[in-house]
């Protein structure tokens, strides 16, 4: 099951890269998410996000593009972390998206 989740997250990340956009959430969706970051990491966790089951974080890395965290189930208490340190860069921005 973990392998399926990893493959699903990789597929979403690849699709996002190909489209060059991140899915926006409608303003009417109830959302209860928290974020965390330091110099090289961006994290996101959601306890509720109407219409979504999974969330994943992304980090924009200085001079190295974007990295993605693993998808985590909304409401599970788990946090998705995107690590710019994996590409040897500092975090310059980040966010999250759901599906």
C-alpha atoms as a PDB file:
ATOM      1  CA  UNK A   1       0.000   0.000   0.000  1.00  0.00           C
ATOM      2  CA  UNK A   2       2.864   2.399   0.802  1.00  0.00           C
ATOM      3  CA  UNK A   3       4.336   1.813  -2.654  1.00  0.00           C
ATOM      4  CA  UNK A   4       0.990   2.686  -4.259  1.00  0.00           C
ATOM      5  CA  UNK A   5       0.812   5.943  -2.275  1.00  0.00           C
ATOM      6  CA  UNK A   6       4.378   6.809  -3.248  1.00  0.00           C
ATOM      7  CA  UNK A   7       3.642   6.136  -6.907  1.00  0.00           C
ATOM      8  CA  UNK A   8       0.439   8.174  -6.707  1.00  0.00           C
ATOM      9  CA  UNK A   9       2.299  11.112  -5.158  1.00  0.00           C
ATOM     10  CA  UNK A  10       4.997  10.887  -7.824  1.00  0.00           C
ATOM     11  CA  UNK A  11       2.341  10.859 -10.540  1.00  0.00           C
ATOM     12  CA  UNK A  12       0.638  13.943  -9.135  1.00  0.00           C
ATOM     13  CA  UNK A  13       3.978  15.715  -8.825  1.00  0.00           C
ATOM     14  CA  UNK A  14       4.896  14.843 -12.415  1.00  0.00           C
ATOM     15  CA  UNK A  15       1.514  15.987 -13.697  1.00  0.00           C
ATOM     16  CA  UNK A  16       1.883  19.261 -11.812  1.00  0.00           C
ATOM     17  CA  UNK A  17       5.323  19.812 -13.331  1.00  0.00           C
ATOM     18  CA  UNK A  18       4.035  19.103 -16.838  1.00  0.00           C
ATOM     19  CA  UNK A  19       1.175  21.557 -16.412  1.00  0.00           C
ATOM     20  CA  UNK A  20       3.379  24.119 -14.723  1.00  0.00           C
ATOM     21  CA  UNK A  21       0.619  25.058 -12.296  1.00  0.00           C
ATOM     22  CA  UNK A  22      -0.557  24.035  -8.857  1.00  0.00           C
ATOM     23  CA  UNK A  23      -4.197  23.179  -8.373  1.00  0.00           C
ATOM     24  CA  UNK A  24      -6.002  26.027  -6.663  1.00  0.00           C
ATOM     25  CA  UNK A  25      -8.602  25.366  -4.004  1.00  0.00           C
ATOM     26  CA  UNK A  26     -12.007  27.002  -4.371  1.00  0.00           C
ATOM     27  CA  UNK A  27     -12.548  29.748  -1.803  1.00  0.00           C
ATOM     28  CA  UNK A  28     -15.658  27.954  -0.535  1.00  0.00           C
ATOM     29  CA  UNK A  29     -13.781  24.805   0.526  1.00  0.00           C
ATOM     30  CA  UNK A  30     -13.459  24.376   4.297  1.00  0.00           C
ATOM     31  CA  UNK A  31      -9.773  24.005   5.042  1.00  0.00           C
ATOM     32  CA  UNK A  32      -7.915  23.439   8.304  1.00  0.00           C
ATOM     33  CA  UNK A  33      -4.213  23.139   7.489  1.00  0.00           C
ATOM     34  CA  UNK A  34      -0.998  24.105   9.224  1.00  0.00           C
ATOM     35  CA  UNK A  35       2.415  24.740   7.718  1.00  0.00           C
ATOM     36  CA  UNK A  36       5.955  24.691   9.022  1.00  0.00           C
ATOM     37  CA  UNK A  37       9.291  25.700   7.507  1.00  0.00           C
ATOM     38  CA  UNK A  38      12.953  26.283   8.232  1.00  0.00           C
ATOM     39  CA  UNK A  39      15.889  27.199   5.955  1.00  0.00           C
ATOM     40  CA  UNK A  40      15.584  24.053   3.826  1.00  0.00           C
ATOM     41  CA  UNK A  41      12.227  22.382   4.550  1.00  0.00           C
ATOM     42  CA  UNK A  42       8.540  23.146   4.031  1.00  0.00           C
ATOM     43  CA  UNK A  43       5.875  21.029   5.745  1.00  0.00           C
ATOM     44  CA  UNK A  44       2.088  20.887   5.608  1.00  0.00           C
ATOM     45  CA  UNK A  45      -0.597  18.935   7.443  1.00  0.00           C
ATOM     46  CA  UNK A  46      -4.377  19.181   7.232  1.00  0.00           C
ATOM     47  CA  UNK A  47      -7.004  17.929   9.628  1.00  0.00           C
ATOM     48  CA  UNK A  48      -9.798  18.878   7.211  1.00  0.00           C
ATOM     49  CA  UNK A  49     -10.050  19.997   3.604  1.00  0.00           C
ATOM     50  CA  UNK A  50     -13.415  19.503   1.937  1.00  0.00           C
ATOM     51  CA  UNK A  51     -13.225  17.630  -1.334  1.00  0.00           C
ATOM     52  CA  UNK A  52      -9.672  16.364  -0.732  1.00  0.00           C
ATOM     53  CA  UNK A  53      -8.336  13.147   0.799  1.00  0.00           C
ATOM     54  CA  UNK A  54      -4.583  13.728   0.441  1.00  0.00           C
ATOM     55  CA  UNK A  55      -2.241  16.704   0.806  1.00  0.00           C
ATOM     56  CA  UNK A  56       1.392  17.172  -0.145  1.00  0.00           C
ATOM     57  CA  UNK A  57       3.887  19.956   0.426  1.00  0.00           C
ATOM     58  CA  UNK A  58       6.209  21.493  -2.133  1.00  0.00           C
ATOM     59  CA  UNK A  59       9.274  23.645  -1.700  1.00  0.00           C
ATOM     60  CA  UNK A  60      10.859  26.094  -4.124  1.00  0.00           C
ATOM     61  CA  UNK A  61      14.617  25.706  -3.809  1.00  0.00           C
ATOM     62  CA  UNK A  62      17.100  28.469  -4.567  1.00  0.00           C
ATOM     63  CA  UNK A  63      18.505  27.799  -8.043  1.00  0.00           C
ATOM     64  CA  UNK A  64      17.308  24.167  -8.038  1.00  0.00           C
ATOM     65  CA  UNK A  65      13.604  24.257  -8.876  1.00  0.00           C
ATOM     66  CA  UNK A  66      10.822  22.602  -6.914  1.00  0.00           C
ATOM     67  CA  UNK A  67      10.795  19.526  -4.677  1.00  0.00           C
ATOM     68  CA  UNK A  68       7.756  17.630  -3.414  1.00  0.00           C
ATOM     69  CA  UNK A  69       6.894  15.900  -0.167  1.00  0.00           C
ATOM     70  CA  UNK A  70       5.090  12.593   0.130  1.00  0.00           C
ATOM     71  CA  UNK A  71       1.308  12.646   0.010  1.00  0.00           C
ATOM     72  CA  UNK A  72      -0.280  12.190   3.444  1.00  0.00           C
ATOM     73  CA  UNK A  73      -3.906  11.451   4.269  1.00  0.00           C
ATOM     74  CA  UNK A  74      -5.850  14.460   5.511  1.00  0.00           C
ATOM     75  CA  UNK A  75      -6.903  13.946   9.116  1.00  0.00           C
ATOM     76  CA  UNK A  76      -4.201  11.348   9.824  1.00  0.00           C
ATOM     77  CA  UNK A  77      -2.045  13.729  11.860  1.00  0.00           C
ATOM     78  CA  UNK A  78       0.867  13.148   9.463  1.00  0.00           C
ATOM     79  CA  UNK A  79       2.847  15.998   7.908  1.00  0.00           C
ATOM     80  CA  UNK A  80       4.158  16.114   4.343  1.00  0.00           C
ATOM     81  CA  UNK A  81       7.689  17.551   4.167  1.00  0.00           C
ATOM     82  CA  UNK A  82       9.459  18.856   1.062  1.00  0.00           C
ATOM     83  CA  UNK A  83      13.241  18.967   1.548  1.00  0.00           C
ATOM     84  CA  UNK A  84      15.394  21.381  -0.469  1.00  0.00           C
ATOM     85  CA  UNK A  85      18.379  19.827   1.304  1.00  0.00           C
ATOM     86  CA  UNK A  86      17.958  16.811  -1.007  1.00  0.00           C
ATOM     87  CA  UNK A  87      19.095  19.031  -3.893  1.00  0.00           C
ATOM     88  CA  UNK A  88      21.629  20.981  -1.850  1.00  0.00           C
ATOM     89  CA  UNK A  89      19.688  24.236  -1.760  1.00  0.00           C
ATOM     90  CA  UNK A  90      17.932  26.650   0.587  1.00  0.00           C
ATOM     91  CA  UNK A  91      14.164  26.995   0.702  1.00  0.00           C
ATOM     92  CA  UNK A  92      12.946  30.244  -0.882  1.00  0.00           C
ATOM     93  CA  UNK A  93       9.221  29.485  -0.873  1.00  0.00           C
ATOM     94  CA  UNK A  94       6.728  26.705  -0.407  1.00  0.00           C
ATOM     95  CA  UNK A  95       3.159  25.640  -0.297  1.00  0.00           C
ATOM     96  CA  UNK A  96       0.842  22.680  -0.466  1.00  0.00           C
ATOM     97  CA  UNK A  97      -1.945  21.270  -2.551  1.00  0.00           C
ATOM     98  CA  UNK A  98      -4.591  18.608  -2.119  1.00  0.00           C
ATOM     99  CA  UNK A  99      -6.238  15.970  -4.194  1.00  0.00           C
END
